[in-house]
C-alpha atoms as a PDB file:
ATOM      1  CA  MET A   1    -170.027-127.367 103.611  1.00  0.00           C
ATOM      2  CA  THR A   2    -169.073-126.459 100.025  1.00  0.00           C
ATOM      3  CA  LYS A   3    -172.708-125.573  99.283  1.00  0.00           C
ATOM      4  CA  GLN A   4    -172.683-123.147 102.192  1.00  0.00           C
ATOM      5  CA  ILE A   5    -169.463-121.512 100.992  1.00  0.00           C
ATOM      6  CA  PHE A   6    -170.847-121.255  97.454  1.00  0.00           C
ATOM      7  CA  LEU A   7    -174.078-119.713  98.768  1.00  0.00           C
ATOM      8  CA  LEU A   8    -172.153-117.226 100.930  1.00  0.00           C
ATOM      9  CA  VAL A   9    -169.932-116.131  98.006  1.00  0.00           C
ATOM     10  CA  PHE A  10    -173.001-115.818  95.774  1.00  0.00           C
ATOM     11  CA  ILE A  11    -174.821-113.644  98.344  1.00  0.00           C
ATOM     12  CA  ILE A  12    -171.785-111.392  98.760  1.00  0.00           C
ATOM     13  CA  LEU A  13    -171.359-110.953  94.985  1.00  0.00           C
ATOM     14  CA  ALA A  14    -175.079-110.349  94.413  1.00  0.00           C
ATOM     15  CA  GLY A  15    -175.155-107.821  97.258  1.00  0.00           C
ATOM     16  CA  GLY A  16    -172.142-105.974  95.870  1.00  0.00           C
ATOM     17  CA  ALA A  17    -173.629-105.857  92.368  1.00  0.00           C
ATOM     18  CA  SER A  18    -176.962-104.649  93.757  1.00  0.00           C
ATOM     19  CA  PHE A  19    -175.194-101.910  95.715  1.00  0.00           C
ATOM     20  CA  LEU A  20    -173.360-100.727  92.584  1.00  0.00           C
ATOM     21  CA  VAL A  21    -176.544-100.702  90.499  1.00  0.00           C
ATOM     22  CA  ALA A  22    -178.350 -98.693  93.183  1.00  0.00           C
ATOM     23  CA  THR A  23    -175.597 -96.156  93.817  1.00  0.00           C
ATOM     24  CA  ARG A  24    -173.688 -95.908  90.515  1.00  0.00           C
ATOM     25  CA  PRO A  25    -175.974 -96.901  87.613  1.00  0.00           C
ATOM     26  CA  GLU A  26    -173.628 -95.205  85.137  1.00  0.00           C
ATOM     27  CA  PHE A  27    -171.245 -98.163  85.552  1.00  0.00           C
ATOM     28  CA  PHE A  28    -173.798-100.314  83.767  1.00  0.00           C
ATOM     29  CA  ALA A  29    -175.151 -97.783  81.273  1.00  0.00           C
ATOM     30  CA  PRO A  30    -173.613 -97.685  77.806  1.00  0.00           C
ATOM     31  CA  ASP A  31    -171.483 -94.613  77.126  1.00  0.00           C
ATOM     32  CA  MET A  32    -173.207 -91.880  75.213  1.00  0.00           C
ATOM     33  CA  THR A  33    -171.610 -90.918  71.912  1.00  0.00           C
ATOM     34  CA  LYS A  34    -171.311 -87.374  70.589  1.00  0.00           C
ATOM     35  CA  LYS A  35    -174.000 -88.249  68.053  1.00  0.00           C
ATOM     36  CA  ASP A  36    -176.335 -89.174  70.956  1.00  0.00           C
ATOM     37  CA  LEU A  37    -175.467 -85.870  72.649  1.00  0.00           C
ATOM     38  CA  TYR A  38    -176.329 -83.680  69.659  1.00  0.00           C
ATOM     39  CA  GLY A  39    -179.713 -82.000  69.881  1.00  0.00           C
ATOM     40  CA  GLU A  40    -181.739 -79.797  72.192  1.00  0.00           C
ATOM     41  CA  TRP A  41    -181.806 -80.426  75.944  1.00  0.00           C
ATOM     42  CA  VAL A  42    -184.595 -79.020  78.128  1.00  0.00           C
ATOM     43  CA  GLU A  43    -184.728 -78.758  81.916  1.00  0.00           C
ATOM     44  CA  LEU A  44    -187.204 -81.207  83.419  1.00  0.00           C
ATOM     45  CA  ASP A  45    -189.717 -80.742  86.230  1.00  0.00           C
ATOM     46  CA  VAL A  46    -190.053 -76.964  85.855  1.00  0.00           C
ATOM     47  CA  ALA A  47    -192.686 -74.843  84.143  1.00  0.00           C
ATOM     48  CA  PRO A  48    -192.093 -74.760  80.361  1.00  0.00           C
ATOM     49  CA  TYR A  49    -191.681 -70.970  80.326  1.00  0.00           C
ATOM     50  CA  ALA A  50    -188.981 -71.156  83.039  1.00  0.00           C
ATOM     51  CA  ALA A  51    -187.093 -74.195  81.724  1.00  0.00           C
ATOM     52  CA  ASP A  52    -183.436 -73.798  80.869  1.00  0.00           C
ATOM     53  CA  ARG A  53    -182.514 -75.129  77.435  1.00  0.00           C
ATOM     54  CA  PHE A  54    -179.427 -75.521  75.332  1.00  0.00           C
ATOM     55  CA  GLU A  55    -178.511 -77.260  72.107  1.00  0.00           C
ATOM     56  CA  VAL A  56    -175.379 -79.262  71.374  1.00  0.00           C
ATOM     57  CA  ARG A  57    -174.152 -79.234  67.779  1.00  0.00           C
ATOM     58  CA  SER A  58    -170.899 -80.321  66.228  1.00  0.00           C
ATOM     59  CA  ASP A  59    -169.769 -76.677  66.034  1.00  0.00           C
ATOM     60  CA  GLY A  60    -170.662 -75.643  69.591  1.00  0.00           C
ATOM     61  CA  ILE A  61    -173.265 -75.044  72.281  1.00  0.00           C
ATOM     62  CA  TYR A  62    -176.278 -72.908  71.412  1.00  0.00           C
ATOM     63  CA  THR A  63    -178.630 -70.994  73.718  1.00  0.00           C
ATOM     64  CA  ASN A  64    -181.585 -68.919  72.566  1.00  0.00           C
ATOM     65  CA  GLY A  65    -180.801 -69.802  68.940  1.00  0.00           C
ATOM     66  CA  SER A  66    -177.290 -68.327  69.037  1.00  0.00           C
ATOM     67  CA  ARG A  67    -173.970 -70.048  69.412  1.00  0.00           C
ATOM     68  CA  ALA A  68    -172.753 -69.372  72.949  1.00  0.00           C
ATOM     69  CA  THR A  69    -169.430 -71.207  72.707  1.00  0.00           C
ATOM     70  CA  THR A  70    -167.469 -73.317  70.250  1.00  0.00           C
ATOM     71  CA  ALA A  71    -165.388 -75.035  72.909  1.00  0.00           C
ATOM     72  CA  TYR A  72    -166.826 -77.927  74.878  1.00  0.00           C
ATOM     73  CA  THR A  73    -165.575 -81.287  76.088  1.00  0.00           C
ATOM     74  CA  PHE A  74    -167.435 -84.556  76.212  1.00  0.00           C
ATOM     75  CA  ASP A  75    -165.931 -87.874  77.308  1.00  0.00           C
ATOM     76  CA  GLY A  76    -169.020 -90.078  77.141  1.00  0.00           C
ATOM     77  CA  ASP A  77    -169.869 -89.466  80.806  1.00  0.00           C
ATOM     78  CA  GLU A  78    -169.566 -85.694  81.300  1.00  0.00           C
ATOM     79  CA  LEU A  79    -170.234 -82.605  79.193  1.00  0.00           C
ATOM     80  CA  SER A  80    -168.545 -79.347  80.165  1.00  0.00           C
ATOM     81  CA  TYR A  81    -168.337 -75.901  78.647  1.00  0.00           C
ATOM     82  CA  THR A  82    -167.891 -72.290  79.707  1.00  0.00           C
ATOM     83  CA  ILE A  83    -169.994 -69.288  78.744  1.00  0.00           C
ATOM     84  CA  GLY A  84    -168.377 -66.056  79.885  1.00  0.00           C
ATOM     85  CA  THR A  85    -167.078 -66.850  83.354  1.00  0.00           C
ATOM     86  CA  GLN A  86    -169.750 -69.473  84.139  1.00  0.00           C
ATOM     87  CA  GLU A  87    -168.720 -73.127  83.846  1.00  0.00           C
ATOM     88  CA  TYR A  88    -171.408 -75.713  83.081  1.00  0.00           C
ATOM     89  CA  LEU A  89    -170.960 -79.383  83.919  1.00  0.00           C
ATOM     90  CA  TYR A  90    -173.437 -82.176  83.147  1.00  0.00           C
ATOM     91  CA  ARG A  91    -173.253 -85.883  83.957  1.00  0.00           C
ATOM     92  CA  VAL A  92    -174.865 -88.447  81.679  1.00  0.00           C
ATOM     93  CA  GLU A  93    -177.621 -90.388  83.421  1.00  0.00           C
ATOM     94  CA  ASN A  94    -178.659 -92.231  80.262  1.00  0.00           C
ATOM     95  CA  LYS A  95    -178.935 -91.452  76.551  1.00  0.00           C
ATOM     96  CA  SER A  96    -181.915 -89.164  77.100  1.00  0.00           C
ATOM     97  CA  THR A  97    -181.131 -87.567  80.479  1.00  0.00           C
ATOM     98  CA  LEU A  98    -178.350 -85.298  81.750  1.00  0.00           C
ATOM     99  CA  GLU A  99    -177.868 -84.070  85.316  1.00  0.00           C
ATOM    100  CA  ARG A 100    -176.496 -80.536  85.710  1.00  0.00           C
ATOM    101  CA  LEU A 101    -173.832 -80.506  88.422  1.00  0.00           C
ATOM    102  CA  SER A 102    -172.595 -76.964  87.900  1.00  0.00           C
ATOM    103  CA  PRO A 103    -173.563 -74.213  88.403  1.00  0.00           C
ATOM    104  CA  ALA A 104    -174.450 -75.715  91.738  1.00  0.00           C
ATOM    105  CA  HIS A 105    -177.231 -73.403  92.905  1.00  0.00           C
ATOM    106  CA  TYR A 106    -179.477 -76.434  92.483  1.00  0.00           C
ATOM    107  CA  THR A 107    -179.284 -79.803  90.780  1.00  0.00           C
ATOM    108  CA  SER A 108    -181.489 -80.167  87.746  1.00  0.00           C
ATOM    109  CA  MET A 109    -182.186 -82.813  85.173  1.00  0.00           C
ATOM    110  CA  PHE A 110    -182.339 -82.225  81.428  1.00  0.00           C
ATOM    111  CA  GLY A 111    -184.168 -84.341  78.880  1.00  0.00           C
ATOM    112  CA  LYS A 112    -183.518 -84.577  75.180  1.00  0.00           C
ATOM    113  CA  ALA A 113    -186.162 -82.639  73.271  1.00  0.00           C
ATOM    114  CA  ASN A 114    -185.568 -84.132  69.822  1.00  0.00           C
END
């Protein structure tokens, strides 16, 4: 009887952990540091000439070689900044991939270029 209870508890715990890994992998990924964030990020899965790109430096966010804003926040899981009236929000997938959540006209992934 105790073996059956142990097996049942094990199956429940393994199932719960598997569900979390499948639906929320960021729980198990190490937090990205600002140093990991610094560099150029390029939109993935689009033609190179149409890809969005931006660069994160210690002094701000750069687009097209010019500093677009000096104010941004990064908590290890999300990067956010505003250019003009447009707010940009990215979620860390892993140390080399960000998912753009806003603007929400479509979801896109960004990979670290350097």
